[in-house]
Amino acid sequence: MGQRFRGESQHKVDSKGRVSIPSLFRRVLESADPNWEKGKNPELVIVYGDHRNSCLDCYSMEAIAEIDAKIDALPRGSQKRKILQRLFHGQSYPTNVDETGRLVLPAKLREKIDLNGEAFFIANGDSFQIWKPETYEVEEVARTEEWLDDQDEDFDPLMLLDDQAGV
């Protein structure tokens, strides 16, 4: 993957479920969509199946193709393959960014994360997530802060990169 999603942003969601995607995210979606060309709308896949997640996971076409290849490499009929196919194929929503840079989130997806009024976007490298802002604050920010508070005083998160086995 060339470009990566970076940053966070909050945007209004209208009554029809339309929400603007951060402009930097749109550039990454364009670069990671093999069918995109100037004047066309980049595609993405929203995965919503994991009931434990309080967010929508959004993948560029390049990122979802990598996941699909790993699923396809699993033995047919295996439990792992069946579960991953259900989560990433069956419980996903292929869509595209419209001409105005917006995404239309169907009611089912908005209801899954109790989204209304505002949407919070956070980058995840080769994907990004859409959250209800209050849920993100309660679940993710609190979890990260708690974890950091448990580290030694001189802890630097970059140290994790040198200790791949300890992650």
N, C-alpha and C. Protein backbone atom coordinates (compact mmCIF):
# COMPACT_ATOMS: atom_id res chain seq x y z
N MET A 1 0.85 -1.19 0.00
CA MET A 1 0.00 0.00 0.00
C MET A 1 0.88 1.23 0.00
N GLY A 2 0.57 2.17 -0.86
CA GLY A 2 1.32 3.41 -0.95
C GLY A 2 0.95 4.38 0.16
N GLN A 3 -0.09 5.13 -0.06
CA GLN A 3 -0.53 6.11 0.93
C GLN A 3 -1.26 5.42 2.08
N ARG A 4 -1.28 6.07 3.23
CA ARG A 4 -1.96 5.54 4.40
C ARG A 4 -2.96 6.58 4.90
N PHE A 5 -4.01 6.08 5.52
CA PHE A 5 -4.96 6.98 6.17
C PHE A 5 -4.29 7.52 7.43
N ARG A 6 -4.42 8.82 7.64
CA ARG A 6 -3.85 9.45 8.83
C ARG A 6 -4.79 10.54 9.31
N GLY A 7 -4.88 10.70 10.63
CA GLY A 7 -5.64 11.80 11.21
C GLY A 7 -7.01 11.38 11.70
N GLU A 8 -7.72 12.39 12.18
CA GLU A 8 -9.08 12.21 12.69
C GLU A 8 -9.89 13.44 12.34
N SER A 9 -11.21 13.27 12.30
CA SER A 9 -12.07 14.35 11.88
C SER A 9 -13.51 14.05 12.29
N GLN A 10 -14.28 15.10 12.49
CA GLN A 10 -15.69 14.93 12.84
C GLN A 10 -16.54 15.67 11.83
N HIS A 11 -17.64 15.02 11.38
CA HIS A 11 -18.50 15.59 10.34
C HIS A 11 -19.97 15.34 10.66
N LYS A 12 -20.80 16.24 10.17
CA LYS A 12 -22.25 16.11 10.35
C LYS A 12 -22.80 14.99 9.47
N VAL A 13 -23.80 14.29 10.01
CA VAL A 13 -24.52 13.27 9.26
C VAL A 13 -25.93 13.82 9.05
N ASP A 14 -26.40 13.89 7.79
CA ASP A 14 -27.74 14.41 7.57
C ASP A 14 -28.79 13.31 7.75
N SER A 15 -30.05 13.67 7.62
CA SER A 15 -31.15 12.74 7.88
C SER A 15 -31.18 11.56 6.90
N LYS A 16 -30.53 11.70 5.75
CA LYS A 16 -30.47 10.62 4.77
C LYS A 16 -29.22 9.75 4.95
N GLY A 17 -28.42 10.05 5.97
CA GLY A 17 -27.22 9.27 6.23
C GLY A 17 -26.00 9.70 5.43
N ARG A 18 -26.07 10.88 4.83
CA ARG A 18 -24.92 11.37 4.06
C ARG A 18 -23.94 12.07 4.99
N VAL A 19 -22.67 11.75 4.80
CA VAL A 19 -21.62 12.34 5.62
C VAL A 19 -20.38 12.57 4.75
N SER A 20 -19.75 13.71 4.91
CA SER A 20 -18.53 14.00 4.15
C SER A 20 -17.38 13.17 4.69
N ILE A 21 -16.60 12.63 3.78
CA ILE A 21 -15.39 11.90 4.15
C ILE A 21 -14.26 12.92 4.20
N PRO A 22 -13.38 12.86 5.21
CA PRO A 22 -12.26 13.79 5.24
C PRO A 22 -11.51 13.79 3.90
N SER A 23 -11.15 14.96 3.41
CA SER A 23 -10.53 15.06 2.09
C SER A 23 -9.25 14.25 1.97
N LEU A 24 -8.44 14.20 3.03
CA LEU A 24 -7.23 13.39 2.97
C LEU A 24 -7.55 11.91 2.83
N PHE A 25 -8.65 11.47 3.42
CA PHE A 25 -9.07 10.07 3.28
C PHE A 25 -9.49 9.79 1.84
N ARG A 26 -10.14 10.77 1.22
CA ARG A 26 -10.58 10.57 -0.18
C ARG A 26 -9.38 10.36 -1.10
N ARG A 27 -8.28 11.10 -0.87
CA ARG A 27 -7.08 10.95 -1.70
C ARG A 27 -6.51 9.53 -1.57
N VAL A 28 -6.53 8.99 -0.35
CA VAL A 28 -6.03 7.63 -0.15
C VAL A 28 -6.94 6.63 -0.84
N LEU A 29 -8.26 6.82 -0.72
CA LEU A 29 -9.21 5.91 -1.40
C LEU A 29 -8.99 5.92 -2.90
N GLU A 30 -8.74 7.10 -3.46
CA GLU A 30 -8.48 7.20 -4.90
C GLU A 30 -7.21 6.43 -5.28
N SER A 31 -6.15 6.64 -4.51
CA SER A 31 -4.87 6.00 -4.86
C SER A 31 -4.90 4.48 -4.66
N ALA A 32 -5.80 4.00 -3.80
CA ALA A 32 -5.87 2.57 -3.50
C ALA A 32 -7.02 1.87 -4.21
N ASP A 33 -7.61 2.53 -5.20
CA ASP A 33 -8.68 1.93 -5.99
C ASP A 33 -8.15 1.73 -7.42
N PRO A 34 -7.89 0.47 -7.80
CA PRO A 34 -7.31 0.22 -9.13
C PRO A 34 -8.21 0.67 -10.28
N ASN A 35 -9.51 0.83 -10.04
CA ASN A 35 -10.43 1.25 -11.09
C ASN A 35 -10.66 2.76 -11.12
N TRP A 36 -10.08 3.47 -10.16
CA TRP A 36 -10.34 4.92 -10.09
C TRP A 36 -9.52 5.66 -11.14
N GLU A 37 -10.17 6.65 -11.72
CA GLU A 37 -9.50 7.60 -12.60
C GLU A 37 -10.17 8.95 -12.41
N LYS A 38 -9.49 10.00 -12.75
CA LYS A 38 -10.01 11.35 -12.54
C LYS A 38 -11.41 11.46 -13.12
N GLY A 39 -12.32 12.02 -12.31
CA GLY A 39 -13.71 12.16 -12.73
C GLY A 39 -14.61 11.04 -12.25
N LYS A 40 -14.00 9.96 -11.73
CA LYS A 40 -14.78 8.84 -11.19
C LYS A 40 -14.78 8.91 -9.66
N ASN A 41 -15.67 8.13 -9.05
CA ASN A 41 -15.78 8.11 -7.60
C ASN A 41 -15.06 6.88 -7.04
N PRO A 42 -14.14 7.08 -6.08
CA PRO A 42 -13.43 5.92 -5.53
C PRO A 42 -14.36 5.01 -4.73
N GLU A 43 -14.06 3.73 -4.77
CA GLU A 43 -14.85 2.74 -4.06
C GLU A 43 -14.18 2.37 -2.74
N LEU A 44 -14.98 1.81 -1.83
CA LEU A 44 -14.50 1.30 -0.56
C LEU A 44 -15.46 0.24 -0.07
N VAL A 45 -15.09 -0.48 0.96
CA VAL A 45 -15.95 -1.49 1.56
C VAL A 45 -16.05 -1.21 3.05
N ILE A 46 -17.29 -1.15 3.54
CA ILE A 46 -17.54 -0.94 4.97
C ILE A 46 -17.91 -2.29 5.57
N VAL A 47 -17.15 -2.70 6.57
CA VAL A 47 -17.39 -3.97 7.25
C VAL A 47 -18.04 -3.66 8.60
N TYR A 48 -19.17 -4.32 8.87
CA TYR A 48 -19.94 -4.01 10.07
C TYR A 48 -20.31 -5.23 10.91
N GLY A 49 -19.87 -6.42 10.51
CA GLY A 49 -20.37 -7.65 11.09
C GLY A 49 -19.98 -7.98 12.51
N ASP A 50 -18.81 -7.57 12.98
CA ASP A 50 -18.37 -7.96 14.31
C ASP A 50 -19.22 -7.24 15.36
N HIS A 51 -20.07 -8.00 16.06
CA HIS A 51 -21.00 -7.41 17.02
C HIS A 51 -20.28 -6.75 18.20
N ARG A 52 -19.01 -7.07 18.41
CA ARG A 52 -18.25 -6.47 19.51
C ARG A 52 -17.77 -5.07 19.17
N ASN A 53 -17.72 -4.74 17.89
CA ASN A 53 -17.24 -3.43 17.46
C ASN A 53 -18.35 -2.40 17.55
N SER A 54 -18.00 -1.25 18.07
CA SER A 54 -18.94 -0.13 18.16
C SER A 54 -18.66 0.89 17.07
N CYS A 55 -18.03 0.42 16.00
CA CYS A 55 -17.69 1.31 14.89
C CYS A 55 -17.86 0.58 13.57
N LEU A 56 -17.73 1.32 12.50
CA LEU A 56 -17.74 0.75 11.15
C LEU A 56 -16.30 0.78 10.63
N ASP A 57 -15.81 -0.37 10.17
CA ASP A 57 -14.46 -0.45 9.62
C ASP A 57 -14.53 -0.25 8.11
N CYS A 58 -13.79 0.73 7.61
CA CYS A 58 -13.84 1.10 6.20
C CYS A 58 -12.50 0.79 5.53
N TYR A 59 -12.55 -0.01 4.48
CA TYR A 59 -11.35 -0.47 3.79
C TYR A 59 -11.29 0.06 2.38
N SER A 60 -10.09 0.47 1.97
CA SER A 60 -9.87 0.82 0.56
C SER A 60 -9.96 -0.47 -0.24
N MET A 61 -10.09 -0.36 -1.55
CA MET A 61 -10.18 -1.54 -2.40
C MET A 61 -8.90 -2.37 -2.33
N GLU A 62 -7.76 -1.69 -2.22
CA GLU A 62 -6.48 -2.39 -2.10
C GLU A 62 -6.42 -3.18 -0.79
N ALA A 63 -6.84 -2.56 0.31
CA ALA A 63 -6.79 -3.22 1.62
C ALA A 63 -7.76 -4.40 1.69
N ILE A 64 -8.96 -4.24 1.16
CA ILE A 64 -9.93 -5.34 1.22
C ILE A 64 -9.48 -6.48 0.30
N ALA A 65 -8.81 -6.18 -0.80
CA ALA A 65 -8.29 -7.23 -1.68
C ALA A 65 -7.23 -8.06 -0.96
N GLU A 66 -6.43 -7.41 -0.14
CA GLU A 66 -5.42 -8.13 0.65
C GLU A 66 -6.10 -9.07 1.65
N ILE A 67 -7.14 -8.59 2.31
CA ILE A 67 -7.90 -9.42 3.25
C ILE A 67 -8.56 -10.58 2.50
N ASP A 68 -9.18 -10.29 1.37
CA ASP A 68 -9.84 -11.34 0.56
C ASP A 68 -8.84 -12.43 0.17
N ALA A 69 -7.63 -12.05 -0.22
CA ALA A 69 -6.61 -13.03 -0.62
C ALA A 69 -6.25 -13.93 0.55
N LYS A 70 -6.17 -13.36 1.74
CA LYS A 70 -5.84 -14.17 2.92
C LYS A 70 -6.99 -15.11 3.27
N ILE A 71 -8.21 -14.65 3.11
CA ILE A 71 -9.37 -15.52 3.35
C ILE A 71 -9.38 -16.65 2.32
N ASP A 72 -9.14 -16.32 1.05
CA ASP A 72 -9.14 -17.33 -0.01
C ASP A 72 -8.04 -18.39 0.18
N ALA A 73 -6.97 -18.03 0.89
CA ALA A 73 -5.87 -18.97 1.12
C ALA A 73 -6.21 -20.01 2.19
N LEU A 74 -7.25 -19.77 2.97
CA LEU A 74 -7.66 -20.73 4.01
C LEU A 74 -8.37 -21.92 3.35
N PRO A 75 -8.31 -23.08 3.98
CA PRO A 75 -8.96 -24.26 3.40
C PRO A 75 -10.48 -24.06 3.27
N ARG A 76 -11.00 -24.43 2.11
CA ARG A 76 -12.46 -24.37 1.91
C ARG A 76 -13.14 -25.22 2.96
N GLY A 77 -14.24 -24.71 3.49
CA GLY A 77 -15.00 -25.46 4.47
C GLY A 77 -14.47 -25.33 5.90
N SER A 78 -13.31 -24.72 6.08
CA SER A 78 -12.78 -24.56 7.44
C SER A 78 -13.61 -23.53 8.20
N GLN A 79 -13.68 -23.71 9.50
CA GLN A 79 -14.45 -22.79 10.34
C GLN A 79 -13.91 -21.37 10.24
N LYS A 80 -12.58 -21.22 10.24
CA LYS A 80 -11.97 -19.88 10.12
C LYS A 80 -12.42 -19.19 8.83
N ARG A 81 -12.37 -19.93 7.73
CA ARG A 81 -12.74 -19.35 6.44
C ARG A 81 -14.21 -18.96 6.44
N LYS A 82 -15.08 -19.84 6.96
CA LYS A 82 -16.51 -19.54 6.99
C LYS A 82 -16.81 -18.27 7.80
N ILE A 83 -16.18 -18.16 8.96
CA ILE A 83 -16.42 -17.00 9.81
C ILE A 83 -15.91 -15.72 9.15
N LEU A 84 -14.70 -15.78 8.61
CA LEU A 84 -14.14 -14.60 7.95
C LEU A 84 -14.94 -14.20 6.72
N GLN A 85 -15.43 -15.20 5.96
CA GLN A 85 -16.27 -14.88 4.80
C GLN A 85 -17.55 -14.18 5.24
N ARG A 86 -18.14 -14.67 6.32
CA ARG A 86 -19.37 -14.06 6.82
C ARG A 86 -19.12 -12.61 7.25
N LEU A 87 -18.03 -12.40 8.01
CA LEU A 87 -17.73 -11.06 8.51
C LEU A 87 -17.30 -10.08 7.43
N PHE A 88 -16.43 -10.54 6.50
CA PHE A 88 -15.85 -9.62 5.52
C PHE A 88 -16.53 -9.63 4.16
N HIS A 89 -17.30 -10.66 3.86
CA HIS A 89 -18.02 -10.70 2.60
C HIS A 89 -19.52 -10.47 2.83
N GLY A 90 -20.10 -11.26 3.71
CA GLY A 90 -21.53 -11.18 3.93
C GLY A 90 -21.97 -9.95 4.70
N GLN A 91 -21.20 -9.58 5.71
CA GLN A 91 -21.60 -8.45 6.55
C GLN A 91 -20.73 -7.24 6.23
N SER A 92 -20.76 -6.90 4.97
CA SER A 92 -20.02 -5.74 4.50
C SER A 92 -20.89 -5.00 3.48
N TYR A 93 -20.51 -3.76 3.24
CA TYR A 93 -21.29 -2.91 2.36
C TYR A 93 -20.35 -2.23 1.37
N PRO A 94 -20.30 -2.73 0.11
CA PRO A 94 -19.48 -2.05 -0.90
C PRO A 94 -20.17 -0.75 -1.32
N THR A 95 -19.41 0.32 -1.39
CA THR A 95 -19.99 1.61 -1.74
C THR A 95 -18.93 2.48 -2.40
N ASN A 96 -19.28 3.71 -2.66
CA ASN A 96 -18.32 4.65 -3.21
C ASN A 96 -18.57 6.04 -2.65
N VAL A 97 -17.58 6.87 -2.84
CA VAL A 97 -17.68 8.28 -2.45
C VAL A 97 -18.44 8.98 -3.56
N ASP A 98 -19.42 9.83 -3.23
CA ASP A 98 -20.17 10.49 -4.30
C ASP A 98 -19.40 11.70 -4.84
N GLU A 99 -19.99 12.37 -5.82
CA GLU A 99 -19.34 13.50 -6.50
C GLU A 99 -19.00 14.65 -5.56
N THR A 100 -19.70 14.75 -4.43
CA THR A 100 -19.46 15.85 -3.49
C THR A 100 -18.56 15.44 -2.33
N GLY A 101 -17.99 14.23 -2.41
CA GLY A 101 -17.07 13.77 -1.36
C GLY A 101 -17.78 13.17 -0.16
N ARG A 102 -19.04 12.78 -0.37
CA ARG A 102 -19.80 12.21 0.74
C ARG A 102 -19.99 10.71 0.57
N LEU A 103 -20.33 10.11 1.69
CA LEU A 103 -20.63 8.70 1.78
C LEU A 103 -22.06 8.60 2.28
N VAL A 104 -22.84 7.69 1.72
CA VAL A 104 -24.20 7.47 2.22
C VAL A 104 -24.17 6.22 3.08
N LEU A 105 -24.48 6.39 4.36
CA LEU A 105 -24.52 5.26 5.29
C LEU A 105 -25.97 4.80 5.44
N PRO A 106 -26.28 3.58 5.02
CA PRO A 106 -27.65 3.08 5.16
C PRO A 106 -28.08 3.05 6.63
N ALA A 107 -29.39 3.07 6.85
CA ALA A 107 -29.93 3.08 8.20
C ALA A 107 -29.40 1.93 9.04
N LYS A 108 -29.27 0.74 8.45
CA LYS A 108 -28.78 -0.44 9.18
C LYS A 108 -27.40 -0.17 9.78
N LEU A 109 -26.54 0.47 9.04
CA LEU A 109 -25.19 0.76 9.53
C LEU A 109 -25.21 1.86 10.59
N ARG A 110 -26.02 2.87 10.37
CA ARG A 110 -26.13 3.95 11.37
C ARG A 110 -26.69 3.41 12.68
N GLU A 111 -27.69 2.53 12.57
CA GLU A 111 -28.30 1.95 13.77
C GLU A 111 -27.31 1.06 14.51
N LYS A 112 -26.47 0.34 13.79
CA LYS A 112 -25.50 -0.56 14.41
C LYS A 112 -24.62 0.18 15.41
N ILE A 113 -24.23 1.42 15.08
CA ILE A 113 -23.35 2.18 15.97
C ILE A 113 -24.06 3.38 16.61
N ASP A 114 -25.40 3.41 16.49
CA ASP A 114 -26.21 4.48 17.09
C ASP A 114 -25.76 5.86 16.62
N LEU A 115 -25.54 5.96 15.31
CA LEU A 115 -25.00 7.18 14.72
C LEU A 115 -26.11 8.12 14.30
N ASN A 116 -26.05 9.34 14.81
CA ASN A 116 -26.97 10.39 14.39
C ASN A 116 -26.33 11.73 14.69
N GLY A 117 -26.50 12.67 13.83
CA GLY A 117 -25.97 14.01 14.05
C GLY A 117 -24.52 14.20 13.65
N GLU A 118 -23.61 13.47 14.26
CA GLU A 118 -22.18 13.62 14.00
C GLU A 118 -21.52 12.26 13.85
N ALA A 119 -20.49 12.21 13.02
CA ALA A 119 -19.68 11.00 12.84
C ALA A 119 -18.23 11.36 13.08
N PHE A 120 -17.53 10.49 13.78
CA PHE A 120 -16.11 10.69 14.06
C PHE A 120 -15.31 9.71 13.21
N PHE A 121 -14.38 10.22 12.43
CA PHE A 121 -13.51 9.41 11.57
C PHE A 121 -12.13 9.35 12.20
N ILE A 122 -11.55 8.15 12.25
CA ILE A 122 -10.19 7.99 12.77
C ILE A 122 -9.42 7.04 11.84
N ALA A 123 -8.22 7.45 11.48
CA ALA A 123 -7.38 6.67 10.58
C ALA A 123 -6.81 5.45 11.28
N ASN A 124 -6.62 4.39 10.49
CA ASN A 124 -6.04 3.13 10.98
C ASN A 124 -5.01 2.60 10.00
N GLY A 125 -4.27 3.48 9.36
CA GLY A 125 -3.26 3.02 8.40
C GLY A 125 -3.86 2.66 7.06
N ASP A 126 -4.17 1.37 6.86
CA ASP A 126 -4.73 0.96 5.57
C ASP A 126 -6.26 0.91 5.61
N SER A 127 -6.84 1.40 6.69
CA SER A 127 -8.29 1.49 6.81
C SER A 127 -8.62 2.69 7.70
N PHE A 128 -9.91 2.96 7.84
CA PHE A 128 -10.33 3.98 8.80
C PHE A 128 -11.63 3.51 9.44
N GLN A 129 -11.96 4.13 10.55
CA GLN A 129 -13.18 3.76 11.26
C GLN A 129 -14.10 4.96 11.36
N ILE A 130 -15.41 4.64 11.43
CA ILE A 130 -16.43 5.66 11.68
C ILE A 130 -17.09 5.32 13.01
N TRP A 131 -17.13 6.27 13.90
CA TRP A 131 -17.67 6.10 15.26
C TRP A 131 -18.72 7.16 15.56
N LYS A 132 -19.58 6.86 16.49
CA LYS A 132 -20.36 7.89 17.16
C LYS A 132 -19.34 8.58 18.07
N PRO A 133 -19.22 9.91 18.01
CA PRO A 133 -18.16 10.59 18.76
C PRO A 133 -18.12 10.25 20.25
N GLU A 134 -19.28 10.20 20.89
CA GLU A 134 -19.31 9.92 22.33
C GLU A 134 -18.82 8.50 22.64
N THR A 135 -19.16 7.56 21.79
CA THR A 135 -18.73 6.17 21.99
C THR A 135 -17.22 6.07 21.85
N TYR A 136 -16.67 6.77 20.86
CA TYR A 136 -15.22 6.75 20.67
C TYR A 136 -14.52 7.26 21.92
N GLU A 137 -15.01 8.36 22.46
CA GLU A 137 -14.40 8.94 23.67
C GLU A 137 -14.44 7.95 24.82
N VAL A 138 -15.58 7.33 25.04
CA VAL A 138 -15.75 6.42 26.17
C VAL A 138 -14.94 5.14 25.99
N GLU A 139 -14.99 4.55 24.81
CA GLU A 139 -14.36 3.25 24.60
C GLU A 139 -12.88 3.34 24.23
N GLU A 140 -12.56 4.03 23.18
CA GLU A 140 -11.19 4.00 22.66
C GLU A 140 -10.24 4.94 23.37
N VAL A 141 -10.64 6.18 23.57
CA VAL A 141 -9.75 7.12 24.24
C VAL A 141 -9.47 6.65 25.66
N ALA A 142 -10.50 6.24 26.37
CA ALA A 142 -10.32 5.77 27.75
C ALA A 142 -9.43 4.54 27.79
N ARG A 143 -9.61 3.60 26.87
CA ARG A 143 -8.79 2.38 26.83
C ARG A 143 -7.32 2.72 26.59
N THR A 144 -7.06 3.60 25.66
CA THR A 144 -5.68 3.99 25.36
C THR A 144 -5.04 4.71 26.54
N GLU A 145 -5.77 5.64 27.12
CA GLU A 145 -5.23 6.38 28.27
C GLU A 145 -4.95 5.45 29.44
N GLU A 146 -5.84 4.51 29.70
CA GLU A 146 -5.65 3.56 30.78
C GLU A 146 -4.40 2.70 30.53
N TRP A 147 -4.24 2.25 29.31
CA TRP A 147 -3.08 1.44 28.96
C TRP A 147 -1.80 2.24 29.13
N LEU A 148 -1.78 3.47 28.64
CA LEU A 148 -0.59 4.32 28.78
C LEU A 148 -0.27 4.60 30.24
N ASP A 149 -1.30 4.80 31.05
CA ASP A 149 -1.09 5.05 32.48
C ASP A 149 -0.46 3.86 33.18
N ASP A 150 -0.67 2.66 32.66
CA ASP A 150 -0.10 1.44 33.25
C ASP A 150 1.37 1.23 32.88
N GLN A 151 1.89 2.03 31.94
CA GLN A 151 3.28 1.88 31.50
C GLN A 151 4.21 2.64 32.44
N ASP A 152 5.49 2.27 32.37
CA ASP A 152 6.50 2.97 33.16
C ASP A 152 6.53 4.44 32.79
N GLU A 153 7.03 5.27 33.70
CA GLU A 153 7.05 6.71 33.50
C GLU A 153 7.87 7.12 32.28
N ASP A 154 8.94 6.36 31.98
CA ASP A 154 9.80 6.71 30.85
C ASP A 154 9.41 5.97 29.57
N PHE A 155 8.23 5.35 29.56
CA PHE A 155 7.76 4.60 28.39
C PHE A 155 7.56 5.51 27.19
N ASP A 156 8.04 5.06 26.05
CA ASP A 156 7.84 5.75 24.77
C ASP A 156 7.15 4.75 23.84
N PRO A 157 5.96 5.07 23.30
CA PRO A 157 5.26 4.12 22.43
C PRO A 157 6.09 3.59 21.27
N LEU A 158 7.07 4.34 20.80
CA LEU A 158 7.92 3.87 19.70
C LEU A 158 8.72 2.63 20.09
N MET A 159 8.88 2.39 21.39
CA MET A 159 9.60 1.21 21.85
C MET A 159 8.88 -0.07 21.42
N LEU A 160 7.57 0.00 21.23
CA LEU A 160 6.81 -1.17 20.81
C LEU A 160 7.25 -1.68 19.44
N LEU A 161 7.76 -0.79 18.62
CA LEU A 161 8.20 -1.18 17.29
C LEU A 161 9.43 -2.10 17.33
N ASP A 162 10.21 -1.98 18.40
CA ASP A 162 11.40 -2.81 18.54
C ASP A 162 11.11 -4.13 19.23
N ASP A 163 9.91 -4.28 19.78
CA ASP A 163 9.55 -5.46 20.55
C ASP A 163 8.30 -6.11 19.95
N GLN A 164 8.42 -6.59 18.71
CA GLN A 164 7.27 -7.15 18.01
C GLN A 164 6.67 -8.35 18.74
N ALA A 165 7.48 -9.13 19.44
CA ALA A 165 6.95 -10.32 20.13
C ALA A 165 6.13 -9.93 21.35
N GLY A 166 6.40 -8.77 21.93
CA GLY A 166 5.71 -8.35 23.15
C GLY A 166 4.42 -7.61 22.91
N VAL A 167 4.03 -7.42 21.66
CA VAL A 167 2.81 -6.66 21.37
C VAL A 167 1.62 -7.57 21.40
